[in-house]
Amino acid sequence: QTIILLATIFGSTELGLGTINLIV
């Protein structure tokens, strides 16, 4: 559940991925 809730924040904040990358 923690991964589900915070996966996109991990990708955005930690990996610097853009919105499109995360939505895909």
PDB file of all heavy atoms in Angstrom:
ATOM      1  N   GLN A   1       0.811  -1.219   0.000  1.00  0.00           N
ATOM      2  CA  GLN A   1       0.000   0.000   0.000  1.00  0.00           C
ATOM      3  C   GLN A   1       0.846   1.271   0.000  1.00  0.00           C
ATOM      4  O   GLN A   1       0.473   2.277  -0.608  1.00  0.00           O
ATOM      5  CB  GLN A   1      -0.948  -0.013   1.204  1.00  0.00           C
ATOM      6  CG  GLN A   1      -1.959  -1.140   1.183  1.00  0.00           C
ATOM      7  CD  GLN A   1      -2.870  -1.084  -0.022  1.00  0.00           C
ATOM      8  OE1 GLN A   1      -3.118  -0.011  -0.593  1.00  0.00           O
ATOM      9  NE2 GLN A   1      -3.379  -2.231  -0.437  1.00  0.00           N
ATOM     10  N   THR A   2       2.002   1.227   0.668  1.00  0.00           N
ATOM     11  CA  THR A   2       2.879   2.412   0.677  1.00  0.00           C
ATOM     12  C   THR A   2       3.423   2.673  -0.721  1.00  0.00           C
ATOM     13  O   THR A   2       3.478   3.828  -1.173  1.00  0.00           O
ATOM     14  CB  THR A   2       4.044   2.217   1.669  1.00  0.00           C
ATOM     15  OG1 THR A   2       3.515   1.921   2.964  1.00  0.00           O
ATOM     16  CG2 THR A   2       4.897   3.474   1.753  1.00  0.00           C
ATOM     17  N   ILE A   3       3.809   1.617  -1.414  1.00  0.00           N
ATOM     18  CA  ILE A   3       4.323   1.767  -2.780  1.00  0.00           C
ATOM     19  C   ILE A   3       3.235   2.292  -3.711  1.00  0.00           C
ATOM     20  O   ILE A   3       3.477   3.183  -4.543  1.00  0.00           O
ATOM     21  CB  ILE A   3       4.895   0.427  -3.290  1.00  0.00           C
ATOM     22  CG1 ILE A   3       6.197   0.105  -2.549  1.00  0.00           C
ATOM     23  CG2 ILE A   3       5.148   0.489  -4.801  1.00  0.00           C
ATOM     24  CD1 ILE A   3       6.758  -1.272  -2.845  1.00  0.00           C
ATOM     25  N   ILE A   4       2.010   1.760  -3.581  1.00  0.00           N
ATOM     26  CA  ILE A   4       0.907   2.225  -4.420  1.00  0.00           C
ATOM     27  C   ILE A   4       0.670   3.719  -4.214  1.00  0.00           C
ATOM     28  O   ILE A   4       0.505   4.480  -5.174  1.00  0.00           O
ATOM     29  CB  ILE A   4      -0.385   1.451  -4.088  1.00  0.00           C
ATOM     30  CG1 ILE A   4      -0.268  -0.002  -4.530  1.00  0.00           C
ATOM     31  CG2 ILE A   4      -1.594   2.102  -4.768  1.00  0.00           C
ATOM     32  CD1 ILE A   4      -1.423  -0.870  -4.079  1.00  0.00           C
ATOM     33  N   LEU A   5       0.657   4.147  -2.953  1.00  0.00           N
ATOM     34  CA  LEU A   5       0.323   5.535  -2.637  1.00  0.00           C
ATOM     35  C   LEU A   5       1.415   6.525  -3.023  1.00  0.00           C
ATOM     36  O   LEU A   5       1.130   7.668  -3.378  1.00  0.00           O
ATOM     37  CB  LEU A   5       0.024   5.660  -1.138  1.00  0.00           C
ATOM     38  CG  LEU A   5      -1.271   4.988  -0.652  1.00  0.00           C
ATOM     39  CD1 LEU A   5      -1.287   4.910   0.865  1.00  0.00           C
ATOM     40  CD2 LEU A   5      -2.484   5.752  -1.154  1.00  0.00           C
ATOM     41  N   LEU A   6       2.676   6.093  -2.953  1.00  0.00           N
ATOM     42  CA  LEU A   6       3.775   7.050  -3.102  1.00  0.00           C
ATOM     43  C   LEU A   6       4.690   6.779  -4.301  1.00  0.00           C
ATOM     44  O   LEU A   6       5.728   7.418  -4.440  1.00  0.00           O
ATOM     45  CB  LEU A   6       4.599   7.068  -1.806  1.00  0.00           C
ATOM     46  CG  LEU A   6       3.803   7.479  -0.559  1.00  0.00           C
ATOM     47  CD1 LEU A   6       4.615   7.248   0.710  1.00  0.00           C
ATOM     48  CD2 LEU A   6       3.359   8.923  -0.644  1.00  0.00           C
ATOM     49  N   ALA A   7       4.300   5.856  -5.175  1.00  0.00           N
ATOM     50  CA  ALA A   7       5.152   5.504  -6.320  1.00  0.00           C
ATOM     51  C   ALA A   7       5.391   6.684  -7.256  1.00  0.00           C
ATOM     52  O   ALA A   7       6.516   6.920  -7.711  1.00  0.00           O
ATOM     53  CB  ALA A   7       4.530   4.333  -7.091  1.00  0.00           C
ATOM     54  N   THR A   8       4.328   7.437  -7.566  1.00  0.00           N
ATOM     55  CA  THR A   8       4.494   8.549  -8.497  1.00  0.00           C
ATOM     56  C   THR A   8       5.325   9.671  -7.882  1.00  0.00           C
ATOM     57  O   THR A   8       6.077  10.348  -8.587  1.00  0.00           O
ATOM     58  CB  THR A   8       3.127   9.109  -8.935  1.00  0.00           C
ATOM     59  OG1 THR A   8       2.335   9.387  -7.773  1.00  0.00           O
ATOM     60  CG2 THR A   8       2.388   8.109  -9.800  1.00  0.00           C
ATOM     61  N   ILE A   9       5.176   9.888  -6.568  1.00  0.00           N
ATOM     62  CA  ILE A   9       5.990  10.905  -5.895  1.00  0.00           C
ATOM     63  C   ILE A   9       7.461  10.475  -5.910  1.00  0.00           C
ATOM     64  O   ILE A   9       8.360  11.299  -6.080  1.00  0.00           O
ATOM     65  CB  ILE A   9       5.491  11.134  -4.458  1.00  0.00           C
ATOM     66  CG1 ILE A   9       4.125  11.837  -4.506  1.00  0.00           C
ATOM     67  CG2 ILE A   9       6.476  11.966  -3.650  1.00  0.00           C
ATOM     68  CD1 ILE A   9       3.522  12.125  -3.157  1.00  0.00           C
ATOM     69  N   PHE A  10       7.722   9.167  -5.759  1.00  0.00           N
ATOM     70  CA  PHE A  10       9.083   8.646  -5.858  1.00  0.00           C
ATOM     71  C   PHE A  10       9.657   8.936  -7.241  1.00  0.00           C
ATOM     72  O   PHE A  10      10.786   9.421  -7.380  1.00  0.00           O
ATOM     73  CB  PHE A  10       9.095   7.137  -5.597  1.00  0.00           C
ATOM     74  CG  PHE A  10      10.436   6.475  -5.795  1.00  0.00           C
ATOM     75  CD1 PHE A  10      11.393   6.497  -4.790  1.00  0.00           C
ATOM     76  CD2 PHE A  10      10.749   5.832  -6.991  1.00  0.00           C
ATOM     77  CE1 PHE A  10      12.634   5.887  -4.971  1.00  0.00           C
ATOM     78  CE2 PHE A  10      11.976   5.226  -7.180  1.00  0.00           C
ATOM     79  CZ  PHE A  10      12.915   5.248  -6.167  1.00  0.00           C
ATOM     80  N   GLY A  11       8.875   8.645  -8.283  1.00  0.00           N
ATOM     81  CA  GLY A  11       9.343   8.879  -9.649  1.00  0.00           C
ATOM     82  C   GLY A  11       9.568  10.344  -9.941  1.00  0.00           C
ATOM     83  O   GLY A  11      10.533  10.712 -10.613  1.00  0.00           O
ATOM     84  N   SER A  12       8.703  11.203  -9.406  1.00  0.00           N
ATOM     85  CA  SER A  12       8.811  12.642  -9.659  1.00  0.00           C
ATOM     86  C   SER A  12       9.945  13.276  -8.868  1.00  0.00           C
ATOM     87  O   SER A  12      10.813  13.963  -9.419  1.00  0.00           O
ATOM     88  CB  SER A  12       7.481  13.313  -9.304  1.00  0.00           C
ATOM     89  OG  SER A  12       7.581  14.712  -9.392  1.00  0.00           O
ATOM     90  N   THR A  13       9.967  13.037  -7.551  1.00  0.00           N
ATOM     91  CA  THR A  13      10.922  13.697  -6.664  1.00  0.00           C
ATOM     92  C   THR A  13      12.302  13.060  -6.716  1.00  0.00           C
ATOM     93  O   THR A  13      13.320  13.757  -6.803  1.00  0.00           O
ATOM     94  CB  THR A  13      10.398  13.674  -5.208  1.00  0.00           C
ATOM     95  OG1 THR A  13       9.099  14.273  -5.164  1.00  0.00           O
ATOM     96  CG2 THR A  13      11.331  14.439  -4.290  1.00  0.00           C
ATOM     97  N   GLU A  14      12.364  11.728  -6.664  1.00  0.00           N
ATOM     98  CA  GLU A  14      13.649  11.039  -6.553  1.00  0.00           C
ATOM     99  C   GLU A  14      14.324  10.829  -7.901  1.00  0.00           C
ATOM    100  O   GLU A  14      15.541  10.936  -8.027  1.00  0.00           O
ATOM    101  CB  GLU A  14      13.442   9.672  -5.876  1.00  0.00           C
ATOM    102  CG  GLU A  14      14.735   8.992  -5.436  1.00  0.00           C
ATOM    103  CD  GLU A  14      15.437   9.741  -4.306  1.00  0.00           C
ATOM    104  OE1 GLU A  14      14.759  10.399  -3.501  1.00  0.00           O
ATOM    105  OE2 GLU A  14      16.679   9.665  -4.251  1.00  0.00           O
ATOM    106  N   LEU A  15      13.518  10.544  -8.937  1.00  0.00           N
ATOM    107  CA  LEU A  15      14.093  10.229 -10.252  1.00  0.00           C
ATOM    108  C   LEU A  15      13.977  11.383 -11.239  1.00  0.00           C
ATOM    109  O   LEU A  15      14.537  11.317 -12.326  1.00  0.00           O
ATOM    110  CB  LEU A  15      13.418   8.976 -10.836  1.00  0.00           C
ATOM    111  CG  LEU A  15      13.493   7.709  -9.964  1.00  0.00           C
ATOM    112  CD1 LEU A  15      12.810   6.544 -10.668  1.00  0.00           C
ATOM    113  CD2 LEU A  15      14.942   7.359  -9.627  1.00  0.00           C
ATOM    114  N   GLY A  16      13.235  12.423 -10.869  1.00  0.00           N
ATOM    115  CA  GLY A  16      13.117  13.586 -11.737  1.00  0.00           C
ATOM    116  C   GLY A  16      12.353  13.328 -13.019  1.00  0.00           C
ATOM    117  O   GLY A  16      12.557  14.003 -14.024  1.00  0.00           O
ATOM    118  N   LEU A  17      11.442  12.356 -12.999  1.00  0.00           N
ATOM    119  CA  LEU A  17      10.676  12.015 -14.197  1.00  0.00           C
ATOM    120  C   LEU A  17       9.533  13.008 -14.390  1.00  0.00           C
ATOM    121  O   LEU A  17       8.966  13.522 -13.428  1.00  0.00           O
ATOM    122  CB  LEU A  17      10.121  10.596 -14.097  1.00  0.00           C
ATOM    123  CG  LEU A  17      11.160   9.475 -13.975  1.00  0.00           C
ATOM    124  CD1 LEU A  17      10.475   8.122 -13.816  1.00  0.00           C
ATOM    125  CD2 LEU A  17      12.073   9.457 -15.199  1.00  0.00           C
ATOM    126  N   GLY A  18       9.206  13.244 -15.652  1.00  0.00           N
ATOM    127  CA  GLY A  18       8.136  14.177 -15.975  1.00  0.00           C
ATOM    128  C   GLY A  18       6.765  13.542 -15.818  1.00  0.00           C
ATOM    129  O   GLY A  18       6.623  12.327 -15.656  1.00  0.00           O
ATOM    130  N   THR A  19       5.743  14.385 -15.894  1.00  0.00           N
ATOM    131  CA  THR A  19       4.373  13.923 -15.707  1.00  0.00           C
ATOM    132  C   THR A  19       3.997  12.833 -16.707  1.00  0.00           C
ATOM    133  O   THR A  19       3.370  11.833 -16.348  1.00  0.00           O
ATOM    134  CB  THR A  19       3.395  15.102 -15.840  1.00  0.00           C
ATOM    135  OG1 THR A  19       3.710  16.088 -14.853  1.00  0.00           O
ATOM    136  CG2 THR A  19       1.960  14.644 -15.660  1.00  0.00           C
ATOM    137  N   ILE A  20       4.391  13.003 -17.955  1.00  0.00           N
ATOM    138  CA  ILE A  20       4.044  12.028 -18.993  1.00  0.00           C
ATOM    139  C   ILE A  20       4.658  10.675 -18.672  1.00  0.00           C
ATOM    140  O   ILE A  20       3.997   9.631 -18.766  1.00  0.00           O
ATOM    141  CB  ILE A  20       4.515  12.505 -20.386  1.00  0.00           C
ATOM    142  CG1 ILE A  20       3.862  13.843 -20.739  1.00  0.00           C
ATOM    143  CG2 ILE A  20       4.173  11.455 -21.441  1.00  0.00           C
ATOM    144  CD1 ILE A  20       2.356  13.786 -20.754  1.00  0.00           C
ATOM    145  N   ASN A  21       5.951  10.658 -18.284  1.00  0.00           N
ATOM    146  CA  ASN A  21       6.614   9.403 -17.935  1.00  0.00           C
ATOM    147  C   ASN A  21       5.870   8.679 -16.818  1.00  0.00           C
ATOM    148  O   ASN A  21       5.691   7.452 -16.865  1.00  0.00           O
ATOM    149  CB  ASN A  21       8.050   9.657 -17.485  1.00  0.00           C
ATOM    150  CG  ASN A  21       8.904  10.307 -18.548  1.00  0.00           C
ATOM    151  OD1 ASN A  21       9.307  11.455 -18.392  1.00  0.00           O
ATOM    152  ND2 ASN A  21       9.169   9.607 -19.627  1.00  0.00           N
ATOM    153  N   LEU A  22       5.449   9.443 -15.822  1.00  0.00           N
ATOM    154  CA  LEU A  22       4.794   8.851 -14.662  1.00  0.00           C
ATOM    155  C   LEU A  22       3.403   8.330 -15.006  1.00  0.00           C
ATOM    156  O   LEU A  22       3.003   7.246 -14.565  1.00  0.00           O
ATOM    157  CB  LEU A  22       4.717   9.870 -13.530  1.00  0.00           C
ATOM    158  CG  LEU A  22       6.086  10.326 -12.982  1.00  0.00           C
ATOM    159  CD1 LEU A  22       5.909  11.489 -12.027  1.00  0.00           C
ATOM    160  CD2 LEU A  22       6.788   9.174 -12.290  1.00  0.00           C
ATOM    161  N   ILE A  23       2.660   9.085 -15.803  1.00  0.00           N
ATOM    162  CA  ILE A  23       1.317   8.647 -16.192  1.00  0.00           C
ATOM    163  C   ILE A  23       1.395   7.388 -17.049  1.00  0.00           C
ATOM    164  O   ILE A  23       0.606   6.457 -16.888  1.00  0.00           O
ATOM    165  CB  ILE A  23       0.576   9.762 -16.949  1.00  0.00           C
ATOM    166  CG1 ILE A  23       0.329  10.965 -16.037  1.00  0.00           C
ATOM    167  CG2 ILE A  23      -0.740   9.232 -17.504  1.00  0.00           C
ATOM    168  CD1 ILE A  23      -0.610  10.698 -14.891  1.00  0.00           C
ATOM    169  N   VAL A  24       2.365   7.358 -17.972  1.00  0.00           N
ATOM    170  CA  VAL A  24       2.559   6.163 -18.807  1.00  0.00           C
ATOM    171  C   VAL A  24       2.866   4.952 -17.935  1.00  0.00           C
ATOM    172  O   VAL A  24       2.354   3.851 -18.161  1.00  0.00           O
ATOM    173  CB  VAL A  24       3.687   6.394 -19.838  1.00  0.00           C
ATOM    174  CG1 VAL A  24       4.092   5.076 -20.503  1.00  0.00           C
ATOM    175  CG2 VAL A  24       3.245   7.393 -20.897  1.00  0.00           C
TER     176      VAL A  24
END
